[in-house]
Amino acid sequence: MSIPQIPGLALGRTSGLAVSLTAAALLAACTVGPDFLRPQAPATSAYTNEALSDLQAGGQQLEAGNAPDAGWWAGFGSAALDSVMRQALAGNRSLAAAQATLAQAREAVNASGGALYPQIGLNAGAGRQQYGAQFFGPQSFPPFSYYSLGPSVSYALDYTGGQRRAVEQQGALADYQAFQLQAAALSLSGGVMQQALSIASALGQIAALEGLLEEDRKNLSLVQTAFDAGSVTRVDLLSAQSQLANDQTLLPPLRQQLSVARHALAILAGKAPADWAAPDFALDQLQLPRSLPLSLPSELAHRRPDILAAEAQLHAATAAVGVATAKLYPQISLSATLSQQSTSVSTLFDASSTAWGLAAALSAPLFDGGTLRAQRRAAQDAAKAALANYEQTVLQSFGQVADVLTALDHDAQLLAAQKNALDTADANLTLTRQSYAVGNVGVLQVLDAERLYQQARLGYVRARAQGLQDTAQLYLALGGGRPLEVAAAGTPMAAP
């Protein structure tokens, strides 16, 4: 490619470098390697082919085309949950680490982009030199001192676009870290929700068990009175005592579950368990959202953080093909120096001490045993792998949404069945106790009725907690909102 002549520009010593840089800019117009094209969203219009008939019957309704709000947990109607969520987003250490990693990746982009510009430096030197007697033949020079000072300019001619591909690759990796930060914030909000529900479920089950234990004590007192009166046998008394003892064994595991959830929530909030007490969430204070968002599959592929992170990795792998391709071409660099050189400090800045130089260097691969082409093929294979990983991530996300949707449908069935079982067991226990009081049934029937009621009451608490948990999972599977935007509104943390 010939160097264009610019009208009115004289080609002197200093303008020669300008012309060289102009030619470099023109040559840099081409960029080798494939351009990244964002993958098309899947054509599917639904997540599952199963009918969700019981979801609406359970009081929840899906709104297709809507995405979760930034503070998706607000739909559960708990001020305590909102407060803990904001505290966790502001103080979680893992989130702070992800934010610092993103800042590091962005600085890597800036560092990589600096190679696109001329590199200007200042060189200075001083020394004393003695040449050997035979170096200059018959002439000999005494020892002398020398001094030099001046700038230098170097520029790598990116005519293949390899360096620009490297900057593009670093930018895609920074995007990956930004989406990883969003995914970490979403995972954190899901973790806070899970632990809050674990606390609420444990407290609900403990309250149910304590109520049952109170009934066991009343029943034992009743049997003890009957035994003292001689109307029942010792077997009946031991059965009542056994029922109370067995029910008491259920409390320690639930209390341990409660402690573990409180400790986990403190850590998520960035606090030591001894320095922070989690609120006592209650199931009856957490409302089940009636209107549920449901992003279209095509929208989900463009908003869920893990999918966007996989897309950024695909972008980086595509740019890496261009980087590897550029290495197959000759590398051209330009340099220029201007310095003052003298053997005396007093004459260092005289006009006669001025020295300069212009240079161009070319390095071309001739034979490398196939290394560079193998590296390019490896980059192409890595890009294919990144594409397959992206497609797998999309499929898995669709599967997660499908699982949660059917789980919500089944939760509605389970809650209705548990409510019916609880009402039936309650009525049966009341009638059995009345029958026992008049002597129509024995104590074993009362104990059986109490056991059924216990199971039904605990089952109802667990079913309600499961419905809340699966509802939260739907928000998370849909990519959540943007928790960092909520955090940025009330804390110094900034969204990516």
Protein backbone atom coordinates (compact mmCIF):
# COMPACT_ATOMS: atom_id res chain seq x y z
CA MET A 1 0.00 0.00 0.00
CA SER A 2 1.49 3.35 -1.03
CA ILE A 3 1.69 6.30 1.33
CA PRO A 4 -0.73 9.04 0.24
CA GLN A 5 0.65 12.49 -0.34
CA ILE A 6 -1.12 15.13 1.73
CA PRO A 7 -1.33 18.49 -0.08
CA GLY A 8 0.70 21.30 1.46
CA LEU A 9 2.79 18.99 3.68
CA ALA A 10 6.55 19.13 3.23
CA LEU A 11 8.31 15.87 3.91
CA GLY A 12 11.07 16.97 6.24
CA ARG A 13 12.72 15.12 9.07
CA THR A 14 9.86 15.63 11.53
CA SER A 15 7.01 15.24 9.04
CA GLY A 16 8.27 11.82 7.94
CA LEU A 17 7.10 10.37 11.25
CA ALA A 18 3.70 12.02 10.88
CA VAL A 19 3.29 10.48 7.43
CA SER A 20 4.26 7.10 8.82
CA LEU A 21 1.68 7.37 11.57
CA THR A 22 -0.96 8.45 9.04
CA ALA A 23 -0.18 5.40 6.94
CA ALA A 24 -0.42 3.28 10.06
CA ALA A 25 -3.90 4.59 10.80
CA LEU A 26 -5.02 3.85 7.24
CA LEU A 27 -3.58 0.36 7.29
CA ALA A 28 -5.24 -0.31 10.64
CA ALA A 29 -8.65 -0.06 9.01
CA CYS A 30 -8.84 -3.82 8.48
CA THR A 31 -9.40 -6.26 11.32
CA VAL A 32 -8.81 -9.98 10.88
CA GLY A 33 -10.88 -12.66 12.52
CA PRO A 34 -14.65 -13.12 12.79
CA ASP A 35 -16.89 -10.30 14.05
CA PHE A 36 -19.00 -11.24 17.03
CA LEU A 37 -22.70 -11.65 16.32
CA ARG A 38 -25.04 -11.93 19.27
CA PRO A 39 -26.78 -15.34 19.23
CA GLN A 40 -30.42 -15.25 18.29
CA ALA A 41 -32.93 -15.94 21.04
CA PRO A 42 -34.61 -19.37 20.89
CA ALA A 43 -37.81 -19.48 18.89
CA THR A 44 -39.76 -21.33 21.59
CA SER A 45 -42.69 -19.39 23.04
CA ALA A 46 -43.32 -21.40 26.24
CA TYR A 47 -41.31 -23.03 29.01
CA THR A 48 -43.36 -26.19 29.45
CA ASN A 49 -46.04 -28.08 27.56
CA GLU A 50 -47.77 -29.09 30.80
CA ALA A 51 -51.03 -27.41 31.77
CA LEU A 52 -50.83 -25.17 34.84
CA SER A 53 -54.47 -25.51 35.82
CA ASP A 54 -54.13 -25.45 39.61
CA LEU A 55 -51.86 -22.41 39.84
CA GLN A 56 -54.67 -19.94 39.26
CA ALA A 57 -56.98 -21.97 41.48
CA GLY A 58 -54.43 -21.48 44.25
CA GLY A 59 -54.79 -17.71 44.01
CA GLN A 60 -51.74 -16.91 41.86
CA GLN A 61 -51.79 -15.64 38.29
CA LEU A 62 -48.99 -15.48 35.73
CA GLU A 63 -48.53 -12.29 33.72
CA ALA A 64 -46.76 -13.29 30.52
CA GLY A 65 -44.35 -10.73 29.10
CA ASN A 66 -43.62 -9.06 32.44
CA ALA A 67 -40.18 -9.10 34.02
CA PRO A 68 -39.45 -9.08 37.77
CA ASP A 69 -38.98 -5.69 39.40
CA ALA A 70 -35.58 -4.63 40.73
CA GLY A 71 -36.71 -5.27 44.31
CA TRP A 72 -38.54 -8.49 43.48
CA TRP A 73 -38.86 -9.47 47.15
CA ALA A 74 -41.18 -6.53 47.83
CA GLY A 75 -44.09 -8.67 46.60
CA PHE A 76 -43.88 -10.72 49.80
CA GLY A 77 -44.96 -7.68 51.81
CA SER A 78 -42.38 -7.85 54.60
CA ALA A 79 -40.64 -4.68 55.77
CA ALA A 80 -38.21 -6.79 57.82
CA LEU A 81 -37.27 -8.79 54.72
CA ASP A 82 -36.67 -5.61 52.73
CA SER A 83 -34.45 -4.19 55.48
CA VAL A 84 -32.32 -7.34 55.74
CA MET A 85 -32.07 -7.58 51.96
CA ARG A 86 -30.72 -4.04 51.67
CA GLN A 87 -28.29 -4.63 54.49
CA ALA A 88 -26.99 -7.79 52.80
CA LEU A 89 -26.58 -6.04 49.44
CA ALA A 90 -24.59 -3.30 51.15
CA GLY A 91 -22.43 -5.43 53.44
CA ASN A 92 -21.94 -8.86 51.86
CA ARG A 93 -18.24 -9.65 51.46
CA SER A 94 -18.62 -11.96 48.45
CA LEU A 95 -20.48 -9.21 46.63
CA ALA A 96 -17.73 -6.74 47.51
CA ALA A 97 -15.16 -9.19 46.10
CA ALA A 98 -17.15 -9.50 42.85
CA GLN A 99 -17.31 -5.72 42.59
CA ALA A 100 -13.54 -5.43 43.04
CA THR A 101 -13.00 -8.14 40.42
CA LEU A 102 -15.13 -6.15 37.99
CA ALA A 103 -13.07 -3.01 38.65
CA GLN A 104 -9.92 -5.05 38.00
CA ALA A 105 -11.31 -6.32 34.68
CA ARG A 106 -12.21 -2.79 33.58
CA GLU A 107 -8.69 -1.59 34.33
CA ALA A 108 -7.39 -4.48 32.24
CA VAL A 109 -9.42 -3.08 29.33
CA ASN A 110 -7.85 0.34 29.85
CA ALA A 111 -4.38 -1.19 30.01
CA SER A 112 -4.96 -3.19 26.83
CA GLY A 113 -6.33 -0.15 25.00
CA GLY A 114 -3.13 1.81 25.73
CA ALA A 115 -1.26 -0.33 23.20
CA LEU A 116 -3.32 1.23 20.39
CA TYR A 117 -1.58 4.57 20.88
CA PRO A 118 2.03 5.66 20.33
CA GLN A 119 4.22 4.96 23.33
CA ILE A 120 6.21 8.03 24.35
CA GLY A 121 9.05 7.85 26.83
CA LEU A 122 11.92 9.91 28.15
CA ASN A 123 15.41 8.42 28.11
CA ALA A 124 18.37 9.72 30.04
CA GLY A 125 21.77 8.24 30.57
CA ALA A 126 25.25 8.99 31.84
CA GLY A 127 28.39 6.90 31.90
CA ARG A 128 32.14 6.69 31.56
CA GLN A 129 33.74 4.66 28.77
CA GLN A 130 37.22 3.23 28.08
CA TYR A 131 37.83 1.49 24.75
CA GLY A 132 40.55 -1.11 24.25
CA ALA A 133 43.81 -0.09 22.60
CA GLN A 134 43.11 -2.15 19.47
CA PHE A 135 39.45 -1.16 19.06
CA PHE A 136 40.17 1.81 16.76
CA GLY A 137 43.45 0.55 15.34
CA PRO A 138 46.47 2.83 15.64
CA GLN A 139 44.39 5.55 17.25
CA SER A 140 43.62 5.43 20.92
CA PHE A 141 41.11 7.35 23.00
CA PRO A 142 41.44 8.22 26.64
CA PRO A 143 38.58 7.43 29.02
CA PHE A 144 35.66 9.79 28.57
CA SER A 145 32.29 10.56 30.09
CA TYR A 146 29.06 10.81 28.10
CA TYR A 147 25.57 12.16 28.72
CA SER A 148 22.29 11.82 26.81
CA LEU A 149 18.75 13.07 27.30
CA GLY A 150 15.68 12.99 25.04
CA PRO A 151 12.28 11.55 24.19
CA SER A 152 11.47 8.45 22.18
CA VAL A 153 8.31 7.38 20.36
CA SER A 154 7.32 3.89 19.30
CA TYR A 155 4.18 2.63 17.60
CA ALA A 156 3.13 -0.90 16.78
CA LEU A 157 1.30 -0.81 13.46
CA ASP A 158 -1.97 -2.66 14.08
CA TYR A 159 -2.80 -3.06 10.39
CA THR A 160 -4.35 -6.50 11.02
CA GLY A 161 -6.44 -5.32 13.98
CA GLY A 162 -4.91 -7.91 16.30
CA GLN A 163 -4.46 -5.42 19.12
CA ARG A 164 -7.99 -4.11 18.66
CA ARG A 165 -9.21 -7.70 18.89
CA ALA A 166 -7.24 -8.02 22.14
CA VAL A 167 -8.96 -4.90 23.49
CA GLU A 168 -12.30 -6.32 22.35
CA GLN A 169 -11.50 -9.57 24.15
CA GLN A 170 -10.66 -7.74 27.37
CA GLY A 171 -13.86 -5.71 27.06
CA ALA A 172 -15.90 -8.90 26.71
CA LEU A 173 -14.20 -10.36 29.77
CA ALA A 174 -15.06 -7.17 31.68
CA ASP A 175 -18.67 -7.61 30.56
CA TYR A 176 -18.49 -11.17 31.86
CA GLN A 177 -17.40 -9.91 35.27
CA ALA A 178 -20.20 -7.31 35.24
CA PHE A 179 -22.77 -10.04 34.64
CA GLN A 180 -21.08 -12.20 37.27
CA LEU A 181 -21.57 -9.35 39.72
CA GLN A 182 -25.24 -9.19 38.81
CA ALA A 183 -25.50 -12.96 39.22
CA ALA A 184 -23.79 -12.73 42.62
CA ALA A 185 -26.26 -10.04 43.73
CA LEU A 186 -29.17 -12.15 42.49
CA SER A 187 -27.80 -15.23 44.26
CA LEU A 188 -27.35 -13.19 47.42
CA SER A 189 -30.94 -11.94 47.34
CA GLY A 190 -32.11 -15.52 46.80
CA GLY A 191 -29.98 -16.71 49.70
CA VAL A 192 -31.42 -14.06 52.02
CA MET A 193 -34.93 -15.05 50.95
CA GLN A 194 -34.21 -18.74 51.50
CA GLN A 195 -32.83 -18.19 55.00
CA ALA A 196 -35.70 -15.86 55.91
CA LEU A 197 -38.15 -18.56 54.85
CA SER A 198 -36.16 -21.19 56.75
CA ILE A 199 -36.50 -19.05 59.88
CA ALA A 200 -40.23 -18.56 59.28
CA SER A 201 -40.78 -22.27 58.59
CA ALA A 202 -38.82 -23.37 61.65
CA LEU A 203 -40.66 -20.90 63.88
CA GLY A 204 -44.00 -22.04 62.43
CA GLN A 205 -43.20 -25.70 63.01
CA ILE A 206 -41.90 -24.99 66.51
CA ALA A 207 -45.11 -23.12 67.34
CA ALA A 208 -47.18 -26.02 65.99
CA LEU A 209 -45.15 -28.54 67.99
CA GLU A 210 -45.38 -26.50 71.16
CA GLY A 211 -49.15 -26.43 70.72
CA LEU A 212 -49.18 -30.18 70.23
CA LEU A 213 -46.97 -30.68 73.27
CA GLU A 214 -49.43 -28.68 75.32
CA GLU A 215 -52.19 -30.95 74.06
CA ASP A 216 -50.03 -34.00 74.89
CA ARG A 217 -49.63 -32.72 78.44
CA LYS A 218 -53.39 -32.18 78.78
CA ASN A 219 -54.02 -35.65 77.40
CA LEU A 220 -51.47 -37.17 79.79
CA SER A 221 -53.12 -35.39 82.68
CA LEU A 222 -56.48 -36.75 81.55
CA VAL A 223 -55.14 -40.32 81.31
CA GLN A 224 -53.35 -39.97 84.64
CA THR A 225 -56.63 -38.95 86.29
CA ALA A 226 -58.38 -41.91 84.69
CA PHE A 227 -55.58 -44.26 85.76
CA ASP A 228 -55.76 -43.01 89.34
CA ALA A 229 -59.48 -43.65 89.22
CA GLY A 230 -58.84 -47.18 87.94
CA SER A 231 -60.71 -46.70 84.66
CA VAL A 232 -57.68 -47.23 82.40
CA THR A 233 -54.65 -49.52 82.51
CA ARG A 234 -50.99 -48.68 82.90
CA VAL A 235 -50.57 -49.42 79.18
CA ASP A 236 -52.79 -46.43 78.44
CA LEU A 237 -50.74 -44.25 80.78
CA LEU A 238 -47.44 -45.37 79.23
CA SER A 239 -48.83 -44.74 75.75
CA ALA A 240 -49.70 -41.16 76.68
CA GLN A 241 -46.27 -40.64 78.26
CA SER A 242 -44.61 -42.13 75.16
CA GLN A 243 -46.54 -39.79 72.87
CA LEU A 244 -45.36 -36.75 74.84
CA ALA A 245 -41.74 -37.99 74.92
CA ASN A 246 -41.71 -38.71 71.16
CA ASP A 247 -43.14 -35.30 70.29
CA GLN A 248 -40.51 -33.62 72.48
CA THR A 249 -37.75 -35.20 70.35
CA LEU A 250 -38.98 -33.20 67.35
CA LEU A 251 -38.15 -29.82 68.88
CA PRO A 252 -34.29 -29.90 69.06
CA PRO A 253 -33.79 -30.48 65.28
CA LEU A 254 -36.15 -27.61 64.49
CA ARG A 255 -34.35 -25.33 66.94
CA GLN A 256 -31.05 -26.29 65.31
CA GLN A 257 -32.53 -25.51 61.88
CA LEU A 258 -33.59 -22.13 63.25
CA SER A 259 -30.11 -21.41 64.65
CA VAL A 260 -28.39 -22.41 61.41
CA ALA A 261 -30.70 -20.16 59.37
CA ARG A 262 -30.10 -17.21 61.70
CA HIS A 263 -26.34 -17.70 61.53
CA ALA A 264 -26.40 -18.01 57.73
CA LEU A 265 -28.48 -14.86 57.40
CA ALA A 266 -26.04 -12.93 59.59
CA ILE A 267 -23.13 -14.00 57.37
CA LEU A 268 -25.04 -13.01 54.23
CA ALA A 269 -25.60 -9.60 55.80
CA GLY A 270 -21.86 -9.27 56.39
CA LYS A 271 -22.08 -9.65 60.16
CA ALA A 272 -20.73 -12.12 62.69
CA PRO A 273 -23.54 -14.27 64.18
CA ALA A 274 -22.65 -13.02 67.67
CA ASP A 275 -22.94 -9.37 66.62
CA TRP A 276 -26.23 -9.39 64.73
CA ALA A 277 -29.63 -10.92 65.40
CA ALA A 278 -31.87 -11.89 62.49
CA PRO A 279 -35.53 -10.86 62.69
CA ASP A 280 -38.07 -13.50 63.66
CA PHE A 281 -39.84 -13.87 60.33
CA ALA A 282 -43.32 -15.36 60.54
CA LEU A 283 -45.15 -17.22 57.80
CA ASP A 284 -48.36 -15.31 58.42
CA GLN A 285 -46.43 -12.05 57.88
CA LEU A 286 -45.15 -13.15 54.48
CA GLN A 287 -47.85 -12.85 51.86
CA LEU A 288 -47.91 -15.02 48.77
CA PRO A 289 -47.68 -12.74 45.70
CA ARG A 290 -50.86 -13.08 43.67
CA SER A 291 -49.51 -11.66 40.41
CA LEU A 292 -46.36 -13.40 39.15
CA PRO A 293 -44.20 -12.11 36.27
CA LEU A 294 -43.31 -14.45 33.44
CA SER A 295 -40.75 -13.20 30.94
CA LEU A 296 -40.97 -14.62 27.45
CA PRO A 297 -38.21 -17.13 26.62
CA SER A 298 -36.76 -14.71 24.05
CA GLU A 299 -36.58 -11.99 26.72
CA LEU A 300 -35.08 -14.31 29.32
CA ALA A 301 -32.10 -15.02 27.05
CA HIS A 302 -31.30 -11.30 27.05
CA ARG A 303 -31.77 -10.49 30.73
CA ARG A 304 -30.72 -13.43 32.92
CA PRO A 305 -27.20 -12.78 34.26
CA ASP A 306 -25.78 -16.28 33.80
CA ILE A 307 -26.92 -16.33 30.16
CA LEU A 308 -25.45 -12.88 29.55
CA ALA A 309 -22.21 -14.00 31.22
CA ALA A 310 -22.03 -17.02 28.90
CA GLU A 311 -22.68 -14.68 25.96
CA ALA A 312 -19.80 -12.45 27.07
CA GLN A 313 -17.52 -15.50 27.25
CA LEU A 314 -18.56 -16.37 23.69
CA HIS A 315 -17.72 -12.81 22.63
CA ALA A 316 -14.28 -13.07 24.27
CA ALA A 317 -13.60 -16.42 22.59
CA THR A 318 -14.60 -14.99 19.21
CA ALA A 319 -12.23 -12.05 19.65
CA ALA A 320 -9.46 -14.49 20.64
CA VAL A 321 -9.71 -16.02 17.15
CA GLY A 322 -8.86 -12.60 15.71
CA VAL A 323 -5.91 -12.25 18.09
CA ALA A 324 -4.56 -15.64 17.01
CA THR A 325 -5.14 -14.83 13.32
CA ALA A 326 -3.23 -11.54 13.54
CA LYS A 327 -0.13 -13.41 14.73
CA LEU A 328 0.07 -15.13 11.31
CA TYR A 329 0.83 -11.79 9.67
CA PRO A 330 4.05 -9.75 9.78
CA GLN A 331 4.37 -7.41 12.74
CA ILE A 332 5.42 -3.86 11.89
CA SER A 333 6.61 -1.26 14.35
CA LEU A 334 7.77 2.34 13.94
CA SER A 335 10.05 4.25 16.27
CA ALA A 336 11.66 7.65 16.51
CA THR A 337 14.17 9.16 18.91
CA LEU A 338 15.32 12.71 19.54
CA SER A 339 18.07 13.28 22.07
CA GLN A 340 20.87 15.52 23.20
CA GLN A 341 24.20 13.70 23.38
CA SER A 342 27.49 15.09 24.63
CA THR A 343 30.65 14.20 26.49
CA SER A 344 30.20 17.27 28.66
CA VAL A 345 27.23 18.48 30.64
CA SER A 346 27.99 22.07 29.68
CA THR A 347 27.50 21.33 25.96
CA LEU A 348 24.63 18.84 26.34
CA PHE A 349 21.98 21.26 25.14
CA ASP A 350 23.96 22.83 22.28
CA ALA A 351 22.49 22.53 18.79
CA SER A 352 25.47 20.48 17.71
CA SER A 353 24.60 17.86 20.36
CA THR A 354 21.18 17.09 18.86
CA ALA A 355 20.76 13.54 17.58
CA TRP A 356 17.71 11.85 16.10
CA GLY A 357 16.65 8.63 14.51
CA LEU A 358 13.72 7.11 12.62
CA ALA A 359 13.29 3.37 12.25
CA ALA A 360 10.81 0.80 11.03
CA ALA A 361 10.98 -2.85 11.95
CA LEU A 362 9.25 -5.86 10.46
CA SER A 363 9.03 -9.30 11.97
CA ALA A 364 7.37 -12.04 9.91
CA PRO A 365 6.87 -15.71 10.83
CA LEU A 366 8.52 -17.95 8.23
CA PHE A 367 8.65 -21.31 9.97
CA ASP A 368 7.38 -22.12 13.45
CA GLY A 369 6.56 -25.80 13.14
CA GLY A 370 2.86 -25.04 12.74
CA THR A 371 2.56 -23.40 16.17
CA LEU A 372 0.69 -20.25 15.12
CA ARG A 373 -1.82 -22.05 12.92
CA ALA A 374 -2.41 -24.63 15.65
CA GLN A 375 -3.05 -21.78 18.09
CA ARG A 376 -5.58 -20.29 15.67
CA ARG A 377 -7.37 -23.62 15.30
CA ALA A 378 -7.38 -23.99 19.08
CA ALA A 379 -8.98 -20.53 19.40
CA GLN A 380 -11.63 -21.53 16.86
CA ASP A 381 -12.35 -24.71 18.83
CA ALA A 382 -12.58 -22.67 22.03
CA ALA A 383 -15.14 -20.42 20.35
CA LYS A 384 -17.20 -23.45 19.33
CA ALA A 385 -17.06 -24.71 22.92
CA ALA A 386 -18.15 -21.29 24.21
CA LEU A 387 -21.11 -21.34 21.82
CA ALA A 388 -22.14 -24.81 22.99
CA ASN A 389 -21.80 -23.69 26.64
CA TYR A 390 -23.96 -20.65 25.91
CA GLU A 391 -26.66 -22.78 24.29
CA GLN A 392 -26.54 -25.23 27.22
CA THR A 393 -26.90 -22.36 29.69
CA VAL A 394 -29.98 -21.14 27.83
CA LEU A 395 -31.51 -24.63 27.83
CA GLN A 396 -30.81 -25.09 31.53
CA SER A 397 -32.39 -21.75 32.36
CA PHE A 398 -35.53 -22.70 30.43
CA GLY A 399 -35.59 -26.00 32.31
CA GLN A 400 -35.30 -24.22 35.66
CA VAL A 401 -38.23 -21.95 34.84
CA ALA A 402 -40.27 -24.95 33.68
CA ASP A 403 -39.46 -26.80 36.93
CA VAL A 404 -40.51 -23.85 39.07
CA LEU A 405 -43.74 -23.29 37.14
CA THR A 406 -44.82 -26.90 37.58
CA ALA A 407 -43.66 -26.78 41.22
CA LEU A 408 -45.94 -23.79 41.84
CA ASP A 409 -48.82 -25.66 40.22
CA HIS A 410 -48.16 -28.67 42.42
CA ASP A 411 -47.69 -26.42 45.47
CA ALA A 412 -51.24 -25.18 44.97
CA GLN A 413 -52.45 -28.78 44.87
CA LEU A 414 -50.39 -29.70 47.93
CA LEU A 415 -51.54 -26.70 49.97
CA ALA A 416 -55.19 -27.45 49.19
CA ALA A 417 -54.70 -31.09 50.13
CA GLN A 418 -52.87 -30.20 53.34
CA LYS A 419 -55.58 -27.72 54.30
CA ASN A 420 -58.21 -30.41 53.79
CA ALA A 421 -56.11 -32.91 55.77
CA LEU A 422 -55.67 -30.38 58.60
CA ASP A 423 -59.39 -29.59 58.80
CA THR A 424 -60.29 -33.28 58.74
CA ALA A 425 -57.69 -34.19 61.36
CA ASP A 426 -58.83 -31.34 63.58
CA ALA A 427 -62.45 -32.46 63.39
CA ASN A 428 -61.44 -36.07 63.99
CA LEU A 429 -59.33 -35.16 67.03
CA THR A 430 -62.13 -33.11 68.56
CA LEU A 431 -64.67 -35.90 68.08
CA THR A 432 -62.25 -38.57 69.37
CA ARG A 433 -61.55 -36.61 72.54
CA GLN A 434 -65.24 -36.14 73.14
CA SER A 435 -65.77 -39.87 72.65
CA TYR A 436 -62.92 -40.67 75.02
CA ALA A 437 -64.39 -38.38 77.68
CA VAL A 438 -67.62 -40.41 77.69
CA GLY A 439 -65.81 -43.75 77.46
CA ASN A 440 -66.68 -44.68 73.87
CA VAL A 441 -63.05 -44.98 72.68
CA GLY A 442 -59.74 -45.80 74.30
CA VAL A 443 -56.64 -43.69 74.76
CA LEU A 444 -54.93 -45.32 71.77
CA GLN A 445 -57.55 -43.87 69.44
CA VAL A 446 -56.96 -40.44 70.96
CA LEU A 447 -53.22 -40.78 70.47
CA ASP A 448 -53.70 -41.87 66.87
CA ALA A 449 -55.96 -38.87 66.25
CA GLU A 450 -53.39 -36.55 67.81
CA ARG A 451 -50.63 -38.04 65.66
CA LEU A 452 -52.65 -37.47 62.51
CA TYR A 453 -53.41 -33.93 63.57
CA GLN A 454 -49.73 -33.30 64.32
CA GLN A 455 -48.70 -34.56 60.91
CA ALA A 456 -51.39 -32.51 59.18
CA ARG A 457 -50.49 -29.32 61.04
CA LEU A 458 -46.78 -29.64 60.35
CA GLY A 459 -47.52 -30.62 56.75
CA TYR A 460 -49.60 -27.48 56.27
CA VAL A 461 -46.82 -25.27 57.65
CA ARG A 462 -44.27 -26.92 55.35
CA ALA A 463 -46.57 -26.70 52.34
CA ARG A 464 -47.09 -22.98 52.87
CA ALA A 465 -43.35 -22.43 53.30
CA GLN A 466 -42.69 -24.46 50.15
CA GLY A 467 -45.13 -22.32 48.18
CA LEU A 468 -43.33 -19.16 49.30
CA GLN A 469 -39.95 -20.72 48.49
CA ASP A 470 -40.97 -21.81 45.00
CA THR A 471 -42.47 -18.39 44.31
CA ALA A 472 -39.12 -16.82 45.21
CA GLN A 473 -37.40 -19.37 42.96
CA LEU A 474 -39.55 -18.21 40.04
CA TYR A 475 -38.28 -14.66 40.45
CA LEU A 476 -34.71 -15.94 40.58
CA ALA A 477 -35.13 -18.29 37.59
CA LEU A 478 -36.45 -15.36 35.57
CA GLY A 479 -33.28 -13.42 36.32
CA GLY A 480 -34.70 -11.48 39.23
CA GLY A 481 -34.77 -7.75 38.95
CA ARG A 482 -31.61 -5.75 39.39
CA PRO A 483 -30.84 -5.99 43.12
CA LEU A 484 -27.80 -3.73 42.74
CA GLU A 485 -30.07 -0.93 41.56
CA VAL A 486 -31.98 -1.23 44.83
CA ALA A 487 -28.70 -1.24 46.76
CA ALA A 488 -27.41 1.78 44.84
CA ALA A 489 -30.55 3.72 45.72
CA GLY A 490 -29.78 3.50 49.43
CA THR A 491 -26.07 2.68 49.73
CA PRO A 492 -22.79 3.73 48.08
CA MET A 493 -22.63 0.48 46.08
CA ALA A 494 -23.02 1.16 42.37
CA ALA A 495 -24.67 -1.07 39.80
CA PRO A 496 -22.46 -2.30 36.95
